[in-house]
Amino acid sequence: DSPDGSAKLEPALRAWLAAGGQWDPPARDLGLHRHTLRRLVERSGRLLGRDLATMDARAEVWWALRAVERADHPT
């Protein structure tokens, strides 16, 4: 893991998006406090230049993550 926690950004963002924006279930699944998850998601949004409070932004990011996943693991 990176000292600044950046290695946790993508898994945290994926888990949060997969949980429909809920905080507690993905935090529990990742072994994080919900406030830690919130900080990671907020940081991800800032780095991506997206307001993840909007459904449009969350959908864009979700599909982008799916595209990366498919590119990394072609069938």
PDB file of N, CA and C in Angstrom:
ATOM      1  N   ASP A   1       0.840  -1.190   0.000  1.00  0.00           N
ATOM      2  CA  ASP A   1       0.000   0.000   0.000  1.00  0.00           C
ATOM      3  C   ASP A   1       0.878   1.244   0.000  1.00  0.00           C
ATOM      4  N   SER A   2       0.411   2.279  -0.626  1.00  0.00           N
ATOM      5  CA  SER A   2       1.196   3.512  -0.715  1.00  0.00           C
ATOM      6  C   SER A   2       1.077   4.305   0.578  1.00  0.00           C
ATOM      7  N   PRO A   3       2.102   5.060   0.928  1.00  0.00           N
ATOM      8  CA  PRO A   3       2.072   5.838   2.163  1.00  0.00           C
ATOM      9  C   PRO A   3       0.933   6.859   2.209  1.00  0.00           C
ATOM     10  N   ASP A   4       0.553   7.408   1.048  1.00  0.00           N
ATOM     11  CA  ASP A   4      -0.502   8.418   1.038  1.00  0.00           C
ATOM     12  C   ASP A   4      -1.904   7.817   0.897  1.00  0.00           C
ATOM     13  N   GLY A   5      -2.001   6.498   0.845  1.00  0.00           N
ATOM     14  CA  GLY A   5      -3.300   5.836   0.765  1.00  0.00           C
ATOM     15  C   GLY A   5      -3.901   5.797  -0.624  1.00  0.00           C
ATOM     16  N   SER A   6      -3.149   6.240  -1.633  1.00  0.00           N
ATOM     17  CA  SER A   6      -3.721   6.307  -2.974  1.00  0.00           C
ATOM     18  C   SER A   6      -4.060   4.931  -3.546  1.00  0.00           C
ATOM     19  N   ALA A   7      -3.395   3.894  -3.079  1.00  0.00           N
ATOM     20  CA  ALA A   7      -3.698   2.547  -3.569  1.00  0.00           C
ATOM     21  C   ALA A   7      -5.093   2.107  -3.151  1.00  0.00           C
ATOM     22  N   LYS A   8      -5.671   2.746  -2.149  1.00  0.00           N
ATOM     23  CA  LYS A   8      -7.010   2.397  -1.678  1.00  0.00           C
ATOM     24  C   LYS A   8      -8.103   3.144  -2.433  1.00  0.00           C
ATOM     25  N   LEU A   9      -7.735   4.127  -3.258  1.00  0.00           N
ATOM     26  CA  LEU A   9      -8.750   4.964  -3.907  1.00  0.00           C
ATOM     27  C   LEU A   9      -9.653   4.161  -4.841  1.00  0.00           C
ATOM     28  N   GLU A  10      -9.074   3.429  -5.760  1.00  0.00           N
ATOM     29  CA  GLU A  10      -9.906   2.709  -6.731  1.00  0.00           C
ATOM     30  C   GLU A  10     -10.783   1.652  -6.074  1.00  0.00           C
ATOM     31  N   PRO A  11     -10.251   0.792  -5.205  1.00  0.00           N
ATOM     32  CA  PRO A  11     -11.138  -0.185  -4.568  1.00  0.00           C
ATOM     33  C   PRO A  11     -12.245   0.477  -3.741  1.00  0.00           C
ATOM     34  N   ALA A  12     -11.912   1.568  -3.085  1.00  0.00           N
ATOM     35  CA  ALA A  12     -12.921   2.265  -2.284  1.00  0.00           C
ATOM     36  C   ALA A  12     -14.002   2.846  -3.183  1.00  0.00           C
ATOM     37  N   LEU A  13     -13.587   3.466  -4.267  1.00  0.00           N
ATOM     38  CA  LEU A  13     -14.544   4.067  -5.187  1.00  0.00           C
ATOM     39  C   LEU A  13     -15.417   2.998  -5.830  1.00  0.00           C
ATOM     40  N   ARG A  14     -14.810   1.903  -6.256  1.00  0.00           N
ATOM     41  CA  ARG A  14     -15.583   0.801  -6.852  1.00  0.00           C
ATOM     42  C   ARG A  14     -16.614   0.256  -5.871  1.00  0.00           C
ATOM     43  N   ALA A  15     -16.192   0.009  -4.647  1.00  0.00           N
ATOM     44  CA  ALA A  15     -17.096  -0.556  -3.646  1.00  0.00           C
ATOM     45  C   ALA A  15     -18.243   0.395  -3.334  1.00  0.00           C
ATOM     46  N   TRP A  16     -17.933   1.674  -3.215  1.00  0.00           N
ATOM     47  CA  TRP A  16     -18.957   2.681  -2.916  1.00  0.00           C
ATOM     48  C   TRP A  16     -19.958   2.782  -4.060  1.00  0.00           C
ATOM     49  N   LEU A  17     -19.464   2.829  -5.281  1.00  0.00           N
ATOM     50  CA  LEU A  17     -20.362   2.907  -6.434  1.00  0.00           C
ATOM     51  C   LEU A  17     -21.215   1.641  -6.545  1.00  0.00           C
ATOM     52  N   ALA A  18     -20.607   0.488  -6.330  1.00  0.00           N
ATOM     53  CA  ALA A  18     -21.342  -0.779  -6.408  1.00  0.00           C
ATOM     54  C   ALA A  18     -22.430  -0.861  -5.344  1.00  0.00           C
ATOM     55  N   ALA A  19     -22.225  -0.169  -4.237  1.00  0.00           N
ATOM     56  CA  ALA A  19     -23.208  -0.162  -3.144  1.00  0.00           C
ATOM     57  C   ALA A  19     -24.233   0.952  -3.314  1.00  0.00           C
ATOM     58  N   GLY A  20     -24.242   1.579  -4.481  1.00  0.00           N
ATOM     59  CA  GLY A  20     -25.232   2.613  -4.740  1.00  0.00           C
ATOM     60  C   GLY A  20     -25.056   3.865  -3.917  1.00  0.00           C
ATOM     61  N   GLY A  21     -23.812   4.143  -3.525  1.00  0.00           N
ATOM     62  CA  GLY A  21     -23.534   5.351  -2.760  1.00  0.00           C
ATOM     63  C   GLY A  21     -23.733   5.211  -1.259  1.00  0.00           C
ATOM     64  N   GLN A  22     -23.992   3.992  -0.808  1.00  0.00           N
ATOM     65  CA  GLN A  22     -24.099   3.771   0.629  1.00  0.00           C
ATOM     66  C   GLN A  22     -22.701   3.770   1.241  1.00  0.00           C
ATOM     67  N   TRP A  23     -22.622   4.131   2.497  1.00  0.00           N
ATOM     68  CA  TRP A  23     -21.310   4.212   3.151  1.00  0.00           C
ATOM     69  C   TRP A  23     -20.997   2.998   4.014  1.00  0.00           C
ATOM     70  N   ASP A  24     -21.930   2.553   4.816  1.00  0.00           N
ATOM     71  CA  ASP A  24     -21.626   1.515   5.805  1.00  0.00           C
ATOM     72  C   ASP A  24     -21.288   0.143   5.210  1.00  0.00           C
ATOM     73  N   PRO A  25     -22.102  -0.402   4.288  1.00  0.00           N
ATOM     74  CA  PRO A  25     -21.763  -1.747   3.783  1.00  0.00           C
ATOM     75  C   PRO A  25     -20.393  -1.826   3.102  1.00  0.00           C
ATOM     76  N   PRO A  26     -20.055  -0.899   2.172  1.00  0.00           N
ATOM     77  CA  PRO A  26     -18.724  -1.038   1.560  1.00  0.00           C
ATOM     78  C   PRO A  26     -17.594  -0.759   2.548  1.00  0.00           C
ATOM     79  N   ALA A  27     -17.813   0.134   3.491  1.00  0.00           N
ATOM     80  CA  ALA A  27     -16.777   0.394   4.497  1.00  0.00           C
ATOM     81  C   ALA A  27     -16.508  -0.877   5.296  1.00  0.00           C
ATOM     82  N   ARG A  28     -17.576  -1.524   5.693  1.00  0.00           N
ATOM     83  CA  ARG A  28     -17.433  -2.774   6.454  1.00  0.00           C
ATOM     84  C   ARG A  28     -16.727  -3.831   5.613  1.00  0.00           C
ATOM     85  N   ASP A  29     -17.129  -3.968   4.344  1.00  0.00           N
ATOM     86  CA  ASP A  29     -16.505  -4.968   3.458  1.00  0.00           C
ATOM     87  C   ASP A  29     -15.020  -4.705   3.248  1.00  0.00           C
ATOM     88  N   LEU A  30     -14.641  -3.426   3.208  1.00  0.00           N
ATOM     89  CA  LEU A  30     -13.238  -3.059   2.992  1.00  0.00           C
ATOM     90  C   LEU A  30     -12.429  -2.983   4.283  1.00  0.00           C
ATOM     91  N   GLY A  31     -13.104  -3.124   5.419  1.00  0.00           N
ATOM     92  CA  GLY A  31     -12.420  -3.024   6.708  1.00  0.00           C
ATOM     93  C   GLY A  31     -12.039  -1.597   7.051  1.00  0.00           C
ATOM     94  N   LEU A  32     -12.856  -0.639   6.594  1.00  0.00           N
ATOM     95  CA  LEU A  32     -12.598   0.779   6.842  1.00  0.00           C
ATOM     96  C   LEU A  32     -13.713   1.378   7.682  1.00  0.00           C
ATOM     97  N   HIS A  33     -13.409   2.469   8.332  1.00  0.00           N
ATOM     98  CA  HIS A  33     -14.452   3.250   8.978  1.00  0.00           C
ATOM     99  C   HIS A  33     -15.183   4.011   7.887  1.00  0.00           C
ATOM    100  N   ARG A  34     -16.481   4.240   8.049  1.00  0.00           N
ATOM    101  CA  ARG A  34     -17.248   4.921   6.994  1.00  0.00           C
ATOM    102  C   ARG A  34     -16.715   6.309   6.684  1.00  0.00           C
ATOM    103  N   HIS A  35     -16.141   6.990   7.679  1.00  0.00           N
ATOM    104  CA  HIS A  35     -15.574   8.316   7.431  1.00  0.00           C
ATOM    105  C   HIS A  35     -14.288   8.217   6.597  1.00  0.00           C
ATOM    106  N   THR A  36     -13.538   7.150   6.796  1.00  0.00           N
ATOM    107  CA  THR A  36     -12.347   6.925   5.970  1.00  0.00           C
ATOM    108  C   THR A  36     -12.768   6.673   4.533  1.00  0.00           C
ATOM    109  N   LEU A  37     -13.797   5.845   4.355  1.00  0.00           N
ATOM    110  CA  LEU A  37     -14.316   5.601   3.011  1.00  0.00           C
ATOM    111  C   LEU A  37     -14.781   6.912   2.382  1.00  0.00           C
ATOM    112  N   ARG A  38     -15.489   7.714   3.133  1.00  0.00           N
ATOM    113  CA  ARG A  38     -15.981   8.996   2.624  1.00  0.00           C
ATOM    114  C   ARG A  38     -14.817   9.876   2.161  1.00  0.00           C
ATOM    115  N   ARG A  39     -13.759   9.933   2.960  1.00  0.00           N
ATOM    116  CA  ARG A  39     -12.586  10.744   2.568  1.00  0.00           C
ATOM    117  C   ARG A  39     -11.944  10.214   1.289  1.00  0.00           C
ATOM    118  N   LEU A  40     -11.851   8.891   1.159  1.00  0.00           N
ATOM    119  CA  LEU A  40     -11.267   8.301  -0.045  1.00  0.00           C
ATOM    120  C   LEU A  40     -12.121   8.612  -1.277  1.00  0.00           C
ATOM    121  N   VAL A  41     -13.431   8.512  -1.137  1.00  0.00           N
ATOM    122  CA  VAL A  41     -14.328   8.803  -2.259  1.00  0.00           C
ATOM    123  C   VAL A  41     -14.262  10.286  -2.613  1.00  0.00           C
ATOM    124  N   GLU A  42     -14.256  11.145  -1.612  1.00  0.00           N
ATOM    125  CA  GLU A  42     -14.162  12.581  -1.878  1.00  0.00           C
ATOM    126  C   GLU A  42     -12.846  12.918  -2.569  1.00  0.00           C
ATOM    127  N   ARG A  43     -11.773  12.302  -2.132  1.00  0.00           N
ATOM    128  CA  ARG A  43     -10.468  12.535  -2.773  1.00  0.00           C
ATOM    129  C   ARG A  43     -10.491  12.047  -4.220  1.00  0.00           C
ATOM    130  N   SER A  44     -11.106  10.898  -4.446  1.00  0.00           N
ATOM    131  CA  SER A  44     -11.229  10.380  -5.811  1.00  0.00           C
ATOM    132  C   SER A  44     -11.975  11.371  -6.694  1.00  0.00           C
ATOM    133  N   GLY A  45     -13.062  11.906  -6.188  1.00  0.00           N
ATOM    134  CA  GLY A  45     -13.836  12.878  -6.947  1.00  0.00           C
ATOM    135  C   GLY A  45     -13.025  14.111  -7.301  1.00  0.00           C
ATOM    136  N   ARG A  46     -12.251  14.594  -6.331  1.00  0.00           N
ATOM    137  CA  ARG A  46     -11.403  15.771  -6.595  1.00  0.00           C
ATOM    138  C   ARG A  46     -10.358  15.454  -7.667  1.00  0.00           C
ATOM    139  N   LEU A  47      -9.716  14.298  -7.554  1.00  0.00           N
ATOM    140  CA  LEU A  47      -8.692  13.913  -8.526  1.00  0.00           C
ATOM    141  C   LEU A  47      -9.275  13.723  -9.927  1.00  0.00           C
ATOM    142  N   LEU A  48     -10.495  13.236  -9.985  1.00  0.00           N
ATOM    143  CA  LEU A  48     -11.151  13.013 -11.264  1.00  0.00           C
ATOM    144  C   LEU A  48     -11.814  14.274 -11.814  1.00  0.00           C
ATOM    145  N   GLY A  49     -11.920  15.289 -10.975  1.00  0.00           N
ATOM    146  CA  GLY A  49     -12.584  16.515 -11.393  1.00  0.00           C
ATOM    147  C   GLY A  49     -14.081  16.322 -11.573  1.00  0.00           C
ATOM    148  N   ARG A  50     -14.668  15.443 -10.774  1.00  0.00           N
ATOM    149  CA  ARG A  50     -16.096  15.131 -10.871  1.00  0.00           C
ATOM    150  C   ARG A  50     -16.766  15.342  -9.518  1.00  0.00           C
ATOM    151  N   ASP A  51     -18.002  15.813  -9.568  1.00  0.00           N
ATOM    152  CA  ASP A  51     -18.815  15.945  -8.372  1.00  0.00           C
ATOM    153  C   ASP A  51     -19.586  14.644  -8.196  1.00  0.00           C
ATOM    154  N   LEU A  52     -19.079  13.774  -7.357  1.00  0.00           N
ATOM    155  CA  LEU A  52     -19.675  12.454  -7.202  1.00  0.00           C
ATOM    156  C   LEU A  52     -20.999  12.486  -6.446  1.00  0.00           C
ATOM    157  N   ALA A  53     -21.447  13.680  -6.074  1.00  0.00           N
ATOM    158  CA  ALA A  53     -22.776  13.813  -5.485  1.00  0.00           C
ATOM    159  C   ALA A  53     -23.850  13.728  -6.568  1.00  0.00           C
ATOM    160  N   THR A  54     -23.447  13.861  -7.836  1.00  0.00           N
ATOM    161  CA  THR A  54     -24.420  13.797  -8.927  1.00  0.00           C
ATOM    162  C   THR A  54     -24.438  12.405  -9.537  1.00  0.00           C
ATOM    163  N   MET A  55     -25.617  11.977  -9.904  1.00  0.00           N
ATOM    164  CA  MET A  55     -25.774  10.655 -10.504  1.00  0.00           C
ATOM    165  C   MET A  55     -25.040  10.573 -11.833  1.00  0.00           C
ATOM    166  N   ASP A  56     -25.057  11.639 -12.618  1.00  0.00           N
ATOM    167  CA  ASP A  56     -24.356  11.632 -13.902  1.00  0.00           C
ATOM    168  C   ASP A  56     -22.866  11.356 -13.718  1.00  0.00           C
ATOM    169  N   ALA A  57     -22.262  12.022 -12.753  1.00  0.00           N
ATOM    170  CA  ALA A  57     -20.830  11.826 -12.505  1.00  0.00           C
ATOM    171  C   ALA A  57     -20.558  10.410 -12.021  1.00  0.00           C
ATOM    172  N   ARG A  58     -21.404   9.918 -11.113  1.00  0.00           N
ATOM    173  CA  ARG A  58     -21.205   8.548 -10.619  1.00  0.00           C
ATOM    174  C   ARG A  58     -21.331   7.534 -11.756  1.00  0.00           C
ATOM    175  N   ALA A  59     -22.301   7.740 -12.654  1.00  0.00           N
ATOM    176  CA  ALA A  59     -22.475   6.826 -13.784  1.00  0.00           C
ATOM    177  C   ALA A  59     -21.266   6.882 -14.709  1.00  0.00           C
ATOM    178  N   GLU A  60     -20.770   8.074 -15.002  1.00  0.00           N
ATOM    179  CA  GLU A  60     -19.586   8.209 -15.857  1.00  0.00           C
ATOM    180  C   GLU A  60     -18.398   7.463 -15.269  1.00  0.00           C
ATOM    181  N   VAL A  61     -18.176   7.660 -13.990  1.00  0.00           N
ATOM    182  CA  VAL A  61     -17.034   7.024 -13.325  1.00  0.00           C
ATOM    183  C   VAL A  61     -17.229   5.511 -13.283  1.00  0.00           C
ATOM    184  N   TRP A  62     -18.445   5.061 -12.993  1.00  0.00           N
ATOM    185  CA  TRP A  62     -18.725   3.624 -12.949  1.00  0.00           C
ATOM    186  C   TRP A  62     -18.406   2.973 -14.291  1.00  0.00           C
ATOM    187  N   TRP A  63     -18.891   3.584 -15.387  1.00  0.00           N
ATOM    188  CA  TRP A  63     -18.646   3.003 -16.699  1.00  0.00           C
ATOM    189  C   TRP A  63     -17.173   3.077 -17.080  1.00  0.00           C
ATOM    190  N   ALA A  64     -16.497   4.126 -16.665  1.00  0.00           N
ATOM    191  CA  ALA A  64     -15.056   4.225 -16.935  1.00  0.00           C
ATOM    192  C   ALA A  64     -14.301   3.118 -16.197  1.00  0.00           C
ATOM    193  N   LEU A  65     -14.663   2.877 -14.958  1.00  0.00           N
ATOM    194  CA  LEU A  65     -14.022   1.806 -14.200  1.00  0.00           C
ATOM    195  C   LEU A  65     -14.311   0.445 -14.823  1.00  0.00           C
ATOM    196  N   ARG A  66     -15.512   0.249 -15.316  1.00  0.00           N
ATOM    197  CA  ARG A  66     -15.862  -1.011 -15.974  1.00  0.00           C
ATOM    198  C   ARG A  66     -15.048  -1.197 -17.254  1.00  0.00           C
ATOM    199  N   ALA A  67     -14.866  -0.119 -17.994  1.00  0.00           N
ATOM    200  CA  ALA A  67     -14.080  -0.193 -19.229  1.00  0.00           C
ATOM    201  C   ALA A  67     -12.635  -0.567 -18.923  1.00  0.00           C
ATOM    202  N   VAL A  68     -12.076   0.016 -17.875  1.00  0.00           N
ATOM    203  CA  VAL A  68     -10.704  -0.310 -17.471  1.00  0.00           C
ATOM    204  C   VAL A  68     -10.620  -1.774 -17.052  1.00  0.00           C
ATOM    205  N   GLU A  69     -11.605  -2.220 -16.309  1.00  0.00           N
ATOM    206  CA  GLU A  69     -11.634  -3.614 -15.858  1.00  0.00           C
ATOM    207  C   GLU A  69     -11.673  -4.564 -17.057  1.00  0.00           C
ATOM    208  N   ARG A  70     -12.503  -4.249 -18.036  1.00  0.00           N
ATOM    209  CA  ARG A  70     -12.598  -5.098 -19.231  1.00  0.00           C
ATOM    210  C   ARG A  70     -11.308  -5.080 -20.045  1.00  0.00           C
ATOM    211  N   ALA A  71     -10.675  -3.927 -20.111  1.00  0.00           N
ATOM    212  CA  ALA A  71      -9.414  -3.825 -20.853  1.00  0.00           C
ATOM    213  C   ALA A  71      -8.314  -4.630 -20.155  1.00  0.00           C
ATOM    214  N   ASP A  72      -8.350  -4.633 -18.822  1.00  0.00           N
ATOM    215  CA  ASP A  72      -7.347  -5.365 -18.058  1.00  0.00           C
ATOM    216  C   ASP A  72      -7.592  -6.870 -18.074  1.00  0.00           C
ATOM    217  N   HIS A  73      -8.846  -7.271 -18.259  1.00  0.00           N
ATOM    218  CA  HIS A  73      -9.229  -8.694 -18.205  1.00  0.00           C
ATOM    219  C   HIS A  73     -10.144  -9.035 -19.368  1.00  0.00           C
ATOM    220  N   PRO A  74      -9.617  -9.021 -20.581  1.00  0.00           N
ATOM    221  CA  PRO A  74     -10.472  -9.357 -21.742  1.00  0.00           C
ATOM    222  C   PRO A  74     -10.955 -10.795 -21.666  1.00  0.00           C
ATOM    223  N   THR A  75     -12.134 -11.023 -22.221  1.00  0.00           N
ATOM    224  CA  THR A  75     -12.697 -12.396 -22.183  1.00  0.00           C
ATOM    225  C   THR A  75     -12.404 -13.136 -23.453  1.00  0.00           C
TER     226      THR A  75
END
